Amino acid sequence: MMIMCREATKLMSLSLDRNLTRRERLALRVHTMMCRPCRRCQAQFELLHRLGEQPPTTDDDPNATP
């Protein structure tokens, strides 16, 4: 089952919110093995997800007093 880039990015996004089914994981893995732009996109999704999970520092707090 070959998927297109649009479906791959949808699965990448979904994987951050829930566990993908075995079929979805396999389709995404096969696609990203062959598609360099989607590998880059997946790395960016993962980076943004990790950054979003980190607590803000005091420098990043817009309500902090100077």
C-alpha atoms as a PDB file:
ATOM      1  CA  MET A   1       0.000   0.000   0.000  1.00  0.00           C
ATOM      2  CA  MET A   2       1.763   3.133  -1.215  1.00  0.00           C
ATOM      3  CA  ILE A   3       0.599   6.466   0.119  1.00  0.00           C
ATOM      4  CA  MET A   4       1.149   9.950  -1.226  1.00  0.00           C
ATOM      5  CA  CYS A   5       2.950  12.769   0.603  1.00  0.00           C
ATOM      6  CA  ARG A   6      -0.308  14.398   1.687  1.00  0.00           C
ATOM      7  CA  GLU A   7      -1.445  11.200   3.427  1.00  0.00           C
ATOM      8  CA  ALA A   8       2.025  10.738   4.930  1.00  0.00           C
ATOM      9  CA  THR A   9       1.987  14.191   6.522  1.00  0.00           C
ATOM     10  CA  LYS A  10      -1.502  13.522   7.857  1.00  0.00           C
ATOM     11  CA  LEU A  11      -0.234  10.312   9.488  1.00  0.00           C
ATOM     12  CA  MET A  12       2.785  12.151  10.883  1.00  0.00           C
ATOM     13  CA  SER A  13       0.501  14.649  12.552  1.00  0.00           C
ATOM     14  CA  LEU A  14      -1.850  11.956  13.837  1.00  0.00           C
ATOM     15  CA  SER A  15       1.071  10.000  15.290  1.00  0.00           C
ATOM     16  CA  LEU A  16       1.774  12.880  17.662  1.00  0.00           C
ATOM     17  CA  ASP A  17      -1.755  12.642  19.084  1.00  0.00           C
ATOM     18  CA  ARG A  18      -2.426   8.915  19.061  1.00  0.00           C
ATOM     19  CA  ASN A  19      -0.839   5.568  18.313  1.00  0.00           C
ATOM     20  CA  LEU A  20      -1.056   4.699  14.643  1.00  0.00           C
ATOM     21  CA  THR A  21      -2.448   1.347  13.604  1.00  0.00           C
ATOM     22  CA  ARG A  22       0.025  -1.254  12.410  1.00  0.00           C
ATOM     23  CA  ARG A  23      -1.075  -0.630   8.828  1.00  0.00           C
ATOM     24  CA  GLU A  24      -0.665   3.159   9.178  1.00  0.00           C
ATOM     25  CA  ARG A  25       2.810   2.777  10.727  1.00  0.00           C
ATOM     26  CA  LEU A  26       3.915   0.461   7.946  1.00  0.00           C
ATOM     27  CA  ALA A  27       2.571   2.733   5.206  1.00  0.00           C
ATOM     28  CA  LEU A  28       4.275   5.758   6.751  1.00  0.00           C
ATOM     29  CA  ARG A  29       7.559   3.905   7.258  1.00  0.00           C
ATOM     30  CA  VAL A  30       7.632   2.660   3.661  1.00  0.00           C
ATOM     31  CA  HIS A  31       6.795   6.110   2.324  1.00  0.00           C
ATOM     32  CA  THR A  32       9.422   7.923   4.402  1.00  0.00           C
ATOM     33  CA  MET A  33      12.067   5.386   3.388  1.00  0.00           C
ATOM     34  CA  MET A  34      11.572   6.483  -0.208  1.00  0.00           C
ATOM     35  CA  CYS A  35      10.701  10.164   0.209  1.00  0.00           C
ATOM     36  CA  ARG A  36      13.405  12.490   1.481  1.00  0.00           C
ATOM     37  CA  PRO A  37      11.152  15.572   1.796  1.00  0.00           C
ATOM     38  CA  CYS A  38       8.763  13.601   3.999  1.00  0.00           C
ATOM     39  CA  ARG A  39      11.649  12.383   6.184  1.00  0.00           C
ATOM     40  CA  ARG A  40      12.592  16.029   6.714  1.00  0.00           C
ATOM     41  CA  CYS A  41       8.984  16.931   7.418  1.00  0.00           C
ATOM     42  CA  GLN A  42       8.690  14.130   9.964  1.00  0.00           C
ATOM     43  CA  ALA A  43      11.841  15.326  11.734  1.00  0.00           C
ATOM     44  CA  GLN A  44      10.387  18.841  11.891  1.00  0.00           C
ATOM     45  CA  PHE A  45       7.079  17.546  13.274  1.00  0.00           C
ATOM     46  CA  GLU A  46       8.959  15.639  15.981  1.00  0.00           C
ATOM     47  CA  LEU A  47      11.153  18.629  16.855  1.00  0.00           C
ATOM     48  CA  LEU A  48       8.168  20.964  17.148  1.00  0.00           C
ATOM     49  CA  HIS A  49       6.321  18.415  19.266  1.00  0.00           C
ATOM     50  CA  ARG A  50       9.291  18.066  21.650  1.00  0.00           C
ATOM     51  CA  LEU A  51       9.690  21.845  21.880  1.00  0.00           C
ATOM     52  CA  GLY A  52       5.990  22.246  22.600  1.00  0.00           C
ATOM     53  CA  GLU A  53       6.219  19.819  25.511  1.00  0.00           C
ATOM     54  CA  GLN A  54       9.002  21.746  27.254  1.00  0.00           C
ATOM     55  CA  PRO A  55       7.985  24.166  29.992  1.00  0.00           C
ATOM     56  CA  PRO A  56       8.678  27.793  29.102  1.00  0.00           C
ATOM     57  CA  THR A  57      11.706  29.456  30.609  1.00  0.00           C
ATOM     58  CA  THR A  58      11.381  32.778  32.415  1.00  0.00           C
ATOM     59  CA  ASP A  59      12.865  34.497  29.347  1.00  0.00           C
ATOM     60  CA  ASP A  60      10.024  33.135  27.224  1.00  0.00           C
ATOM     61  CA  ASP A  61       7.243  34.213  29.580  1.00  0.00           C
ATOM     62  CA  PRO A  62       5.513  37.268  28.055  1.00  0.00           C
ATOM     63  CA  ASN A  63       3.948  38.047  31.456  1.00  0.00           C
ATOM     64  CA  ALA A  64       7.263  38.147  33.301  1.00  0.00           C
ATOM     65  CA  THR A  65       8.251  41.511  34.728  1.00  0.00           C
ATOM     66  CA  PRO A  66      11.635  42.898  33.624  1.00  0.00           C
END
